[in-house]
Amino acid sequence: MVSKSQIKLITSLQQKKFRIKHQLFFVEGTKVIQEFYQAGWKLHSLFATSLISGLPESKTTEVSPTDLKKISVLKSPNTALAVFEISASKSYSNKGIQVALNDVRDPGNLGTIIRLCDWFGVQQLICSSDTVDCYNPKVLQASMGSLARVNVVYKELDAFFTNENSLPVYGAFMDGQSVYEEQLPSDAIILMGNEGKGISVELEPFLTKKISIPQFGNSKETESLNVAMATSILLSEFHRSIGK
């Protein structure tokens, strides 16, 4: 059975201020929970309709589907919900292909980009301080466990590019040079901008080059690509270029 205090804690973690206060977040679904646990994230507590193989019984509270619904954010709750401790970010490395996000606000977009980073072997995602929180439940749902393997760090990007970064920075713009015509490096940062405004003017001085994904269709109705979709194309092209 879930106690009132446990319900209060878990439901509070839907809000960023309480995730920061308690340094906790929650994920739902047995597979995702196992991925976080196996990746070394510290389990705070587990609520499940039955014991889960490989997860500590001492941290597990068996609950009914009705109780699970009280703490779930899903319309159709899964069979398990786990609370994990927020891990400290790993140290920054100036190596490989990395992605930076400037003011990406949609949780689904961030979650998908985290999943893309995992797929393409991008170990580090740098987010501006105004980008949506990676522990937001909707981000975690969209990332489908990939956050367990991708180091997400939040930075003031102007200070980061000034003081910490030594990699070339390729910014995604509608009017940039076609990515298909570029000789792309194996060590670089791909900077993606806000869903509606793109990359902020303040960050343009830090760019090595503006790149774009050319539009081949004749339709004038399609103004731009979704930021997660554009990220997938650019990551694919950077890795294809490395493999040449």
C-alpha atoms as a PDB file:
ATOM      1  CA  MET A   1       0.000   0.000   0.000  1.00  0.00           C
ATOM      2  CA  VAL A   2       1.167   3.526  -0.791  1.00  0.00           C
ATOM      3  CA  SER A   3       1.108   5.849   2.204  1.00  0.00           C
ATOM      4  CA  LYS A   4      -0.195   9.410   2.061  1.00  0.00           C
ATOM      5  CA  SER A   5       3.311  10.776   2.570  1.00  0.00           C
ATOM      6  CA  GLN A   6       4.626   8.663  -0.323  1.00  0.00           C
ATOM      7  CA  ILE A   7       1.815   9.837  -2.589  1.00  0.00           C
ATOM      8  CA  LYS A   8       2.545  13.444  -1.625  1.00  0.00           C
ATOM      9  CA  LEU A   9       6.267  13.055  -2.353  1.00  0.00           C
ATOM     10  CA  ILE A  10       5.844  11.304  -5.699  1.00  0.00           C
ATOM     11  CA  THR A  11       3.142  13.630  -7.017  1.00  0.00           C
ATOM     12  CA  SER A  12       5.269  16.628  -5.972  1.00  0.00           C
ATOM     13  CA  LEU A  13       8.061  15.338  -8.228  1.00  0.00           C
ATOM     14  CA  GLN A  14       5.948  16.266 -11.233  1.00  0.00           C
ATOM     15  CA  GLN A  15       7.173  19.818 -10.561  1.00  0.00           C
ATOM     16  CA  LYS A  16      10.748  20.908 -11.173  1.00  0.00           C
ATOM     17  CA  LYS A  17      11.091  22.856  -7.908  1.00  0.00           C
ATOM     18  CA  PHE A  18      10.384  19.714  -5.868  1.00  0.00           C
ATOM     19  CA  ARG A  19      12.687  17.561  -7.995  1.00  0.00           C
ATOM     20  CA  ILE A  20      15.416  20.072  -7.207  1.00  0.00           C
ATOM     21  CA  LYS A  21      14.471  20.238  -3.528  1.00  0.00           C
ATOM     22  CA  HIS A  22      14.475  16.463  -3.001  1.00  0.00           C
ATOM     23  CA  GLN A  23      17.032  15.603  -5.727  1.00  0.00           C
ATOM     24  CA  LEU A  24      14.665  12.870  -6.887  1.00  0.00           C
ATOM     25  CA  PHE A  25      12.704  11.971 -10.026  1.00  0.00           C
ATOM     26  CA  PHE A  26      10.466   9.086 -11.034  1.00  0.00           C
ATOM     27  CA  VAL A  27      10.103   6.825 -14.051  1.00  0.00           C
ATOM     28  CA  GLU A  28       7.401   4.345 -15.019  1.00  0.00           C
ATOM     29  CA  GLY A  29       7.574   0.942 -16.673  1.00  0.00           C
ATOM     30  CA  THR A  30       9.571  -2.155 -15.755  1.00  0.00           C
ATOM     31  CA  LYS A  31      11.957  -1.991 -18.731  1.00  0.00           C
ATOM     32  CA  VAL A  32      12.840   1.660 -18.202  1.00  0.00           C
ATOM     33  CA  ILE A  33      13.277   1.143 -14.463  1.00  0.00           C
ATOM     34  CA  GLN A  34      15.657  -1.765 -15.076  1.00  0.00           C
ATOM     35  CA  GLU A  35      17.657   0.337 -17.565  1.00  0.00           C
ATOM     36  CA  PHE A  36      18.230   3.095 -15.006  1.00  0.00           C
ATOM     37  CA  TYR A  37      19.091   0.616 -12.270  1.00  0.00           C
ATOM     38  CA  GLN A  38      21.508  -1.354 -14.460  1.00  0.00           C
ATOM     39  CA  ALA A  39      23.176   1.883 -15.587  1.00  0.00           C
ATOM     40  CA  GLY A  40      24.066   2.609 -11.955  1.00  0.00           C
ATOM     41  CA  TRP A  41      21.403   5.137 -10.927  1.00  0.00           C
ATOM     42  CA  LYS A  42      20.618   4.934  -7.221  1.00  0.00           C
ATOM     43  CA  LEU A  43      17.139   3.584  -6.513  1.00  0.00           C
ATOM     44  CA  HIS A  44      15.256   5.450  -3.801  1.00  0.00           C
ATOM     45  CA  SER A  45      12.022   3.428  -3.830  1.00  0.00           C
ATOM     46  CA  LEU A  46      10.023   1.141  -6.090  1.00  0.00           C
ATOM     47  CA  PHE A  47       6.263   0.634  -6.272  1.00  0.00           C
ATOM     48  CA  ALA A  48       5.124  -2.373  -8.285  1.00  0.00           C
ATOM     49  CA  THR A  49       2.213  -4.754  -8.588  1.00  0.00           C
ATOM     50  CA  SER A  50       4.691  -7.635  -8.164  1.00  0.00           C
ATOM     51  CA  LEU A  51       8.393  -8.079  -7.400  1.00  0.00           C
ATOM     52  CA  ILE A  52      10.723  -7.326 -10.317  1.00  0.00           C
ATOM     53  CA  SER A  53      13.666  -9.607 -11.016  1.00  0.00           C
ATOM     54  CA  GLY A  54      17.032  -7.958 -10.406  1.00  0.00           C
ATOM     55  CA  LEU A  55      15.671  -5.100  -8.311  1.00  0.00           C
ATOM     56  CA  PRO A  56      16.084  -5.033  -4.510  1.00  0.00           C
ATOM     57  CA  GLU A  57      13.120  -6.284  -2.503  1.00  0.00           C
ATOM     58  CA  SER A  58      14.157  -3.998   0.355  1.00  0.00           C
ATOM     59  CA  LYS A  59      13.322  -0.969  -1.822  1.00  0.00           C
ATOM     60  CA  THR A  60      10.103  -2.454  -3.215  1.00  0.00           C
ATOM     61  CA  THR A  61       6.572  -1.801  -2.035  1.00  0.00           C
ATOM     62  CA  GLU A  62       3.984  -4.100  -3.592  1.00  0.00           C
ATOM     63  CA  VAL A  63       0.879  -2.126  -4.504  1.00  0.00           C
ATOM     64  CA  SER A  64      -2.454  -2.687  -6.186  1.00  0.00           C
ATOM     65  CA  PRO A  65      -3.214  -1.255  -9.641  1.00  0.00           C
ATOM     66  CA  THR A  66      -5.555   1.182  -7.881  1.00  0.00           C
ATOM     67  CA  ASP A  67      -2.750   2.470  -5.651  1.00  0.00           C
ATOM     68  CA  LEU A  68      -0.386   2.691  -8.604  1.00  0.00           C
ATOM     69  CA  LYS A  69      -2.889   4.884 -10.416  1.00  0.00           C
ATOM     70  CA  LYS A  70      -2.728   7.377  -7.524  1.00  0.00           C
ATOM     71  CA  ILE A  71       0.951   8.107  -8.206  1.00  0.00           C
ATOM     72  CA  SER A  72       1.132   7.589 -11.979  1.00  0.00           C
ATOM     73  CA  VAL A  73       1.020  10.356 -14.592  1.00  0.00           C
ATOM     74  CA  LEU A  74      -0.127   7.910 -17.280  1.00  0.00           C
ATOM     75  CA  LYS A  75      -3.746   7.496 -18.328  1.00  0.00           C
ATOM     76  CA  SER A  76      -3.171   3.739 -18.311  1.00  0.00           C
ATOM     77  CA  PRO A  77      -0.556   3.138 -15.570  1.00  0.00           C
ATOM     78  CA  ASN A  78       2.157   0.573 -16.090  1.00  0.00           C
ATOM     79  CA  THR A  79       2.873  -2.126 -13.505  1.00  0.00           C
ATOM     80  CA  ALA A  80       5.717  -0.266 -11.775  1.00  0.00           C
ATOM     81  CA  LEU A  81       6.940   3.194 -10.794  1.00  0.00           C
ATOM     82  CA  ALA A  82      10.396   3.894  -9.388  1.00  0.00           C
ATOM     83  CA  VAL A  83      11.909   6.923  -7.688  1.00  0.00           C
ATOM     84  CA  PHE A  84      15.609   7.499  -8.379  1.00  0.00           C
ATOM     85  CA  GLU A  85      18.160   9.935  -7.026  1.00  0.00           C
ATOM     86  CA  ILE A  86      19.338  12.621  -9.434  1.00  0.00           C
ATOM     87  CA  SER A  87      22.949  11.871 -10.324  1.00  0.00           C
ATOM     88  CA  ALA A  88      25.663  14.473 -10.576  1.00  0.00           C
ATOM     89  CA  SER A  89      26.656  15.270 -14.166  1.00  0.00           C
ATOM     90  CA  LYS A  90      29.874  13.742 -15.421  1.00  0.00           C
ATOM     91  CA  SER A  91      32.802  16.007 -16.222  1.00  0.00           C
ATOM     92  CA  TYR A  92      32.692  17.732 -19.605  1.00  0.00           C
ATOM     93  CA  SER A  93      34.789  16.286 -22.426  1.00  0.00           C
ATOM     94  CA  ASN A  94      35.892  18.199 -25.550  1.00  0.00           C
ATOM     95  CA  LYS A  95      35.686  15.134 -27.762  1.00  0.00           C
ATOM     96  CA  GLY A  96      33.365  13.498 -30.274  1.00  0.00           C
ATOM     97  CA  ILE A  97      30.053  14.683 -31.692  1.00  0.00           C
ATOM     98  CA  GLN A  98      27.911  16.478 -29.138  1.00  0.00           C
ATOM     99  CA  VAL A  99      24.572  18.252 -29.224  1.00  0.00           C
ATOM    100  CA  ALA A 100      23.710  21.586 -27.584  1.00  0.00           C
ATOM    101  CA  LEU A 101      20.177  22.919 -27.201  1.00  0.00           C
ATOM    102  CA  ASN A 102      19.258  26.602 -27.008  1.00  0.00           C
ATOM    103  CA  ASP A 103      15.904  27.139 -25.267  1.00  0.00           C
ATOM    104  CA  VAL A 104      14.136  23.946 -26.386  1.00  0.00           C
ATOM    105  CA  ARG A 105      10.860  24.030 -24.472  1.00  0.00           C
ATOM    106  CA  ASP A 106       8.800  21.039 -25.590  1.00  0.00           C
ATOM    107  CA  PRO A 107       9.282  17.953 -23.353  1.00  0.00           C
ATOM    108  CA  GLY A 108       8.577  15.586 -26.233  1.00  0.00           C
ATOM    109  CA  ASN A 109      11.286  17.207 -28.333  1.00  0.00           C
ATOM    110  CA  LEU A 110      13.878  16.979 -25.576  1.00  0.00           C
ATOM    111  CA  GLY A 111      12.978  13.376 -24.815  1.00  0.00           C
ATOM    112  CA  THR A 112      13.267  12.433 -28.476  1.00  0.00           C
ATOM    113  CA  ILE A 113      16.623  14.231 -28.796  1.00  0.00           C
ATOM    114  CA  ILE A 114      17.946  12.357 -25.744  1.00  0.00           C
ATOM    115  CA  ARG A 115      16.869   9.121 -27.413  1.00  0.00           C
ATOM    116  CA  LEU A 116      18.584  10.198 -30.648  1.00  0.00           C
ATOM    117  CA  CYS A 117      21.801  10.944 -28.764  1.00  0.00           C
ATOM    118  CA  ASP A 118      21.662   7.448 -27.290  1.00  0.00           C
ATOM    119  CA  TRP A 119      21.070   5.908 -30.744  1.00  0.00           C
ATOM    120  CA  PHE A 120      23.931   7.806 -32.399  1.00  0.00           C
ATOM    121  CA  GLY A 121      26.365   7.302 -29.530  1.00  0.00           C
ATOM    122  CA  VAL A 122      26.362  10.943 -28.425  1.00  0.00           C
ATOM    123  CA  GLN A 123      27.309  10.677 -24.777  1.00  0.00           C
ATOM    124  CA  GLN A 124      26.827  14.315 -23.857  1.00  0.00           C
ATOM    125  CA  LEU A 125      23.936  16.733 -24.386  1.00  0.00           C
ATOM    126  CA  ILE A 126      24.472  20.352 -23.347  1.00  0.00           C
ATOM    127  CA  CYS A 127      21.277  22.285 -22.582  1.00  0.00           C
ATOM    128  CA  SER A 128      20.793  25.973 -21.967  1.00  0.00           C
ATOM    129  CA  SER A 129      19.376  26.813 -18.556  1.00  0.00           C
ATOM    130  CA  ASP A 130      16.016  27.711 -20.152  1.00  0.00           C
ATOM    131  CA  THR A 131      15.655  24.344 -21.887  1.00  0.00           C
ATOM    132  CA  VAL A 132      13.005  22.067 -20.360  1.00  0.00           C
ATOM    133  CA  ASP A 133      14.160  19.919 -17.421  1.00  0.00           C
ATOM    134  CA  CYS A 134      15.342  16.466 -18.507  1.00  0.00           C
ATOM    135  CA  TYR A 135      13.662  14.895 -15.438  1.00  0.00           C
ATOM    136  CA  ASN A 136      10.248  16.178 -16.461  1.00  0.00           C
ATOM    137  CA  PRO A 137       7.943  13.095 -16.602  1.00  0.00           C
ATOM    138  CA  LYS A 138       6.988  13.844 -20.233  1.00  0.00           C
ATOM    139  CA  VAL A 139      10.676  14.055 -21.206  1.00  0.00           C
ATOM    140  CA  LEU A 140      11.346  10.729 -19.521  1.00  0.00           C
ATOM    141  CA  GLN A 141       8.417   9.100 -21.316  1.00  0.00           C
ATOM    142  CA  ALA A 142       9.657  10.336 -24.703  1.00  0.00           C
ATOM    143  CA  SER A 143      13.282   9.338 -24.038  1.00  0.00           C
ATOM    144  CA  MET A 144      12.206   5.753 -23.218  1.00  0.00           C
ATOM    145  CA  GLY A 145      15.101   5.069 -20.857  1.00  0.00           C
ATOM    146  CA  SER A 146      17.853   6.719 -22.911  1.00  0.00           C
ATOM    147  CA  LEU A 147      18.493   9.330 -20.204  1.00  0.00           C
ATOM    148  CA  ALA A 148      20.095   6.485 -18.248  1.00  0.00           C
ATOM    149  CA  ARG A 149      22.974   6.511 -20.756  1.00  0.00           C
ATOM    150  CA  VAL A 150      23.255  10.138 -21.925  1.00  0.00           C
ATOM    151  CA  ASN A 151      25.001  12.761 -19.798  1.00  0.00           C
ATOM    152  CA  VAL A 152      22.733  15.833 -19.839  1.00  0.00           C
ATOM    153  CA  VAL A 153      24.282  19.017 -18.489  1.00  0.00           C
ATOM    154  CA  TYR A 154      22.710  22.446 -18.086  1.00  0.00           C
ATOM    155  CA  LYS A 155      24.861  25.495 -18.807  1.00  0.00           C
ATOM    156  CA  GLU A 156      24.634  29.174 -19.614  1.00  0.00           C
ATOM    157  CA  LEU A 157      25.645  28.600 -23.223  1.00  0.00           C
ATOM    158  CA  ASP A 158      27.443  31.914 -23.800  1.00  0.00           C
ATOM    159  CA  ALA A 159      29.690  31.266 -20.775  1.00  0.00           C
ATOM    160  CA  PHE A 160      30.107  27.626 -21.784  1.00  0.00           C
ATOM    161  CA  PHE A 161      31.234  28.472 -25.317  1.00  0.00           C
ATOM    162  CA  THR A 162      33.564  31.178 -23.950  1.00  0.00           C
ATOM    163  CA  ASN A 163      35.236  29.288 -21.123  1.00  0.00           C
ATOM    164  CA  GLU A 164      34.804  25.522 -21.543  1.00  0.00           C
ATOM    165  CA  ASN A 165      34.433  24.573 -25.168  1.00  0.00           C
ATOM    166  CA  SER A 166      37.200  24.097 -27.742  1.00  0.00           C
ATOM    167  CA  LEU A 167      35.160  22.241 -30.371  1.00  0.00           C
ATOM    168  CA  PRO A 168      33.833  23.806 -33.591  1.00  0.00           C
ATOM    169  CA  VAL A 169      30.169  24.739 -33.286  1.00  0.00           C
ATOM    170  CA  TYR A 170      27.763  24.092 -36.151  1.00  0.00           C
ATOM    171  CA  GLY A 171      24.472  25.943 -35.783  1.00  0.00           C
ATOM    172  CA  ALA A 172      21.271  24.845 -37.532  1.00  0.00           C
ATOM    173  CA  PHE A 173      19.702  27.673 -39.561  1.00  0.00           C
ATOM    174  CA  MET A 174      17.203  27.906 -42.391  1.00  0.00           C
ATOM    175  CA  ASP A 175      19.671  29.960 -44.461  1.00  0.00           C
ATOM    176  CA  GLY A 176      22.881  28.109 -43.597  1.00  0.00           C
ATOM    177  CA  GLN A 177      25.170  26.165 -45.897  1.00  0.00           C
ATOM    178  CA  SER A 178      23.700  22.837 -46.970  1.00  0.00           C
ATOM    179  CA  VAL A 179      24.934  20.124 -44.609  1.00  0.00           C
ATOM    180  CA  TYR A 180      25.253  17.818 -47.630  1.00  0.00           C
ATOM    181  CA  GLU A 181      27.946  20.069 -49.110  1.00  0.00           C
ATOM    182  CA  GLU A 182      30.089  20.285 -45.982  1.00  0.00           C
ATOM    183  CA  GLN A 183      33.155  18.321 -44.955  1.00  0.00           C
ATOM    184  CA  LEU A 184      32.090  17.601 -41.398  1.00  0.00           C
ATOM    185  CA  PRO A 185      34.545  16.944 -38.534  1.00  0.00           C
ATOM    186  CA  SER A 186      34.523  13.992 -36.139  1.00  0.00           C
ATOM    187  CA  ASP A 187      34.695  16.323 -33.119  1.00  0.00           C
ATOM    188  CA  ALA A 188      32.067  19.060 -33.067  1.00  0.00           C
ATOM    189  CA  ILE A 189      28.994  20.491 -31.369  1.00  0.00           C
ATOM    190  CA  ILE A 190      25.691  20.637 -33.233  1.00  0.00           C
ATOM    191  CA  LEU A 191      23.709  23.570 -31.839  1.00  0.00           C
ATOM    192  CA  MET A 192      19.918  23.432 -32.197  1.00  0.00           C
ATOM    193  CA  GLY A 193      17.602  26.325 -31.429  1.00  0.00           C
ATOM    194  CA  ASN A 194      14.189  27.062 -29.974  1.00  0.00           C
ATOM    195  CA  GLU A 195      11.146  25.528 -31.717  1.00  0.00           C
ATOM    196  CA  GLY A 196       9.813  28.892 -32.885  1.00  0.00           C
ATOM    197  CA  LYS A 197      12.714  31.358 -32.719  1.00  0.00           C
ATOM    198  CA  GLY A 198      15.712  29.221 -33.628  1.00  0.00           C
ATOM    199  CA  ILE A 199      19.179  29.973 -32.269  1.00  0.00           C
ATOM    200  CA  SER A 200      19.386  33.220 -30.318  1.00  0.00           C
ATOM    201  CA  VAL A 201      21.297  36.145 -31.794  1.00  0.00           C
ATOM    202  CA  GLU A 202      23.522  36.254 -28.687  1.00  0.00           C
ATOM    203  CA  LEU A 203      24.988  32.845 -29.538  1.00  0.00           C
ATOM    204  CA  GLU A 204      25.769  33.519 -33.200  1.00  0.00           C
ATOM    205  CA  PRO A 205      29.269  34.912 -32.487  1.00  0.00           C
ATOM    206  CA  PHE A 206      30.265  31.498 -31.099  1.00  0.00           C
ATOM    207  CA  LEU A 207      29.352  29.619 -34.276  1.00  0.00           C
ATOM    208  CA  THR A 208      32.021  28.145 -36.514  1.00  0.00           C
ATOM    209  CA  LYS A 209      29.501  27.690 -39.327  1.00  0.00           C
ATOM    210  CA  LYS A 210      25.788  27.954 -40.037  1.00  0.00           C
ATOM    211  CA  ILE A 211      24.401  24.815 -41.643  1.00  0.00           C
ATOM    212  CA  SER A 212      20.992  23.886 -42.974  1.00  0.00           C
ATOM    213  CA  ILE A 213      18.947  20.955 -44.203  1.00  0.00           C
ATOM    214  CA  PRO A 214      17.835  21.963 -47.712  1.00  0.00           C
ATOM    215  CA  GLN A 215      14.188  21.655 -48.679  1.00  0.00           C
ATOM    216  CA  PHE A 216      13.706  19.507 -51.778  1.00  0.00           C
ATOM    217  CA  GLY A 217       9.919  19.699 -51.987  1.00  0.00           C
ATOM    218  CA  ASN A 218       8.131  22.482 -53.858  1.00  0.00           C
ATOM    219  CA  SER A 219       5.539  23.155 -51.157  1.00  0.00           C
ATOM    220  CA  LYS A 220       5.726  26.621 -49.627  1.00  0.00           C
ATOM    221  CA  GLU A 221       3.529  25.593 -46.712  1.00  0.00           C
ATOM    222  CA  THR A 222       6.296  23.715 -44.887  1.00  0.00           C
ATOM    223  CA  GLU A 223       8.214  26.477 -43.132  1.00  0.00           C
ATOM    224  CA  SER A 224      10.645  24.375 -41.108  1.00  0.00           C
ATOM    225  CA  LEU A 225      11.387  20.972 -39.623  1.00  0.00           C
ATOM    226  CA  ASN A 226      10.595  19.947 -36.067  1.00  0.00           C
ATOM    227  CA  VAL A 227      13.748  20.438 -33.952  1.00  0.00           C
ATOM    228  CA  ALA A 228      13.978  16.749 -33.001  1.00  0.00           C
ATOM    229  CA  MET A 229      13.521  15.679 -36.625  1.00  0.00           C
ATOM    230  CA  ALA A 230      16.199  18.140 -37.754  1.00  0.00           C
ATOM    231  CA  THR A 231      18.552  16.861 -35.040  1.00  0.00           C
ATOM    232  CA  SER A 232      18.145  13.296 -36.302  1.00  0.00           C
ATOM    233  CA  ILE A 233      19.033  14.308 -39.878  1.00  0.00           C
ATOM    234  CA  LEU A 234      22.087  16.299 -38.815  1.00  0.00           C
ATOM    235  CA  LEU A 235      23.362  13.552 -36.510  1.00  0.00           C
ATOM    236  CA  SER A 236      22.956  11.026 -39.297  1.00  0.00           C
ATOM    237  CA  GLU A 237      24.858  13.226 -41.739  1.00  0.00           C
ATOM    238  CA  PHE A 238      27.697  13.972 -39.306  1.00  0.00           C
ATOM    239  CA  HIS A 239      28.147  10.249 -38.613  1.00  0.00           C
ATOM    240  CA  ARG A 240      27.908   9.391 -42.304  1.00  0.00           C
ATOM    241  CA  SER A 241      30.646  11.944 -42.996  1.00  0.00           C
ATOM    242  CA  ILE A 242      32.854  10.451 -40.263  1.00  0.00           C
ATOM    243  CA  GLY A 243      32.470   7.017 -41.810  1.00  0.00           C
ATOM    244  CA  LYS A 244      33.681   8.097 -45.271  1.00  0.00           C
END
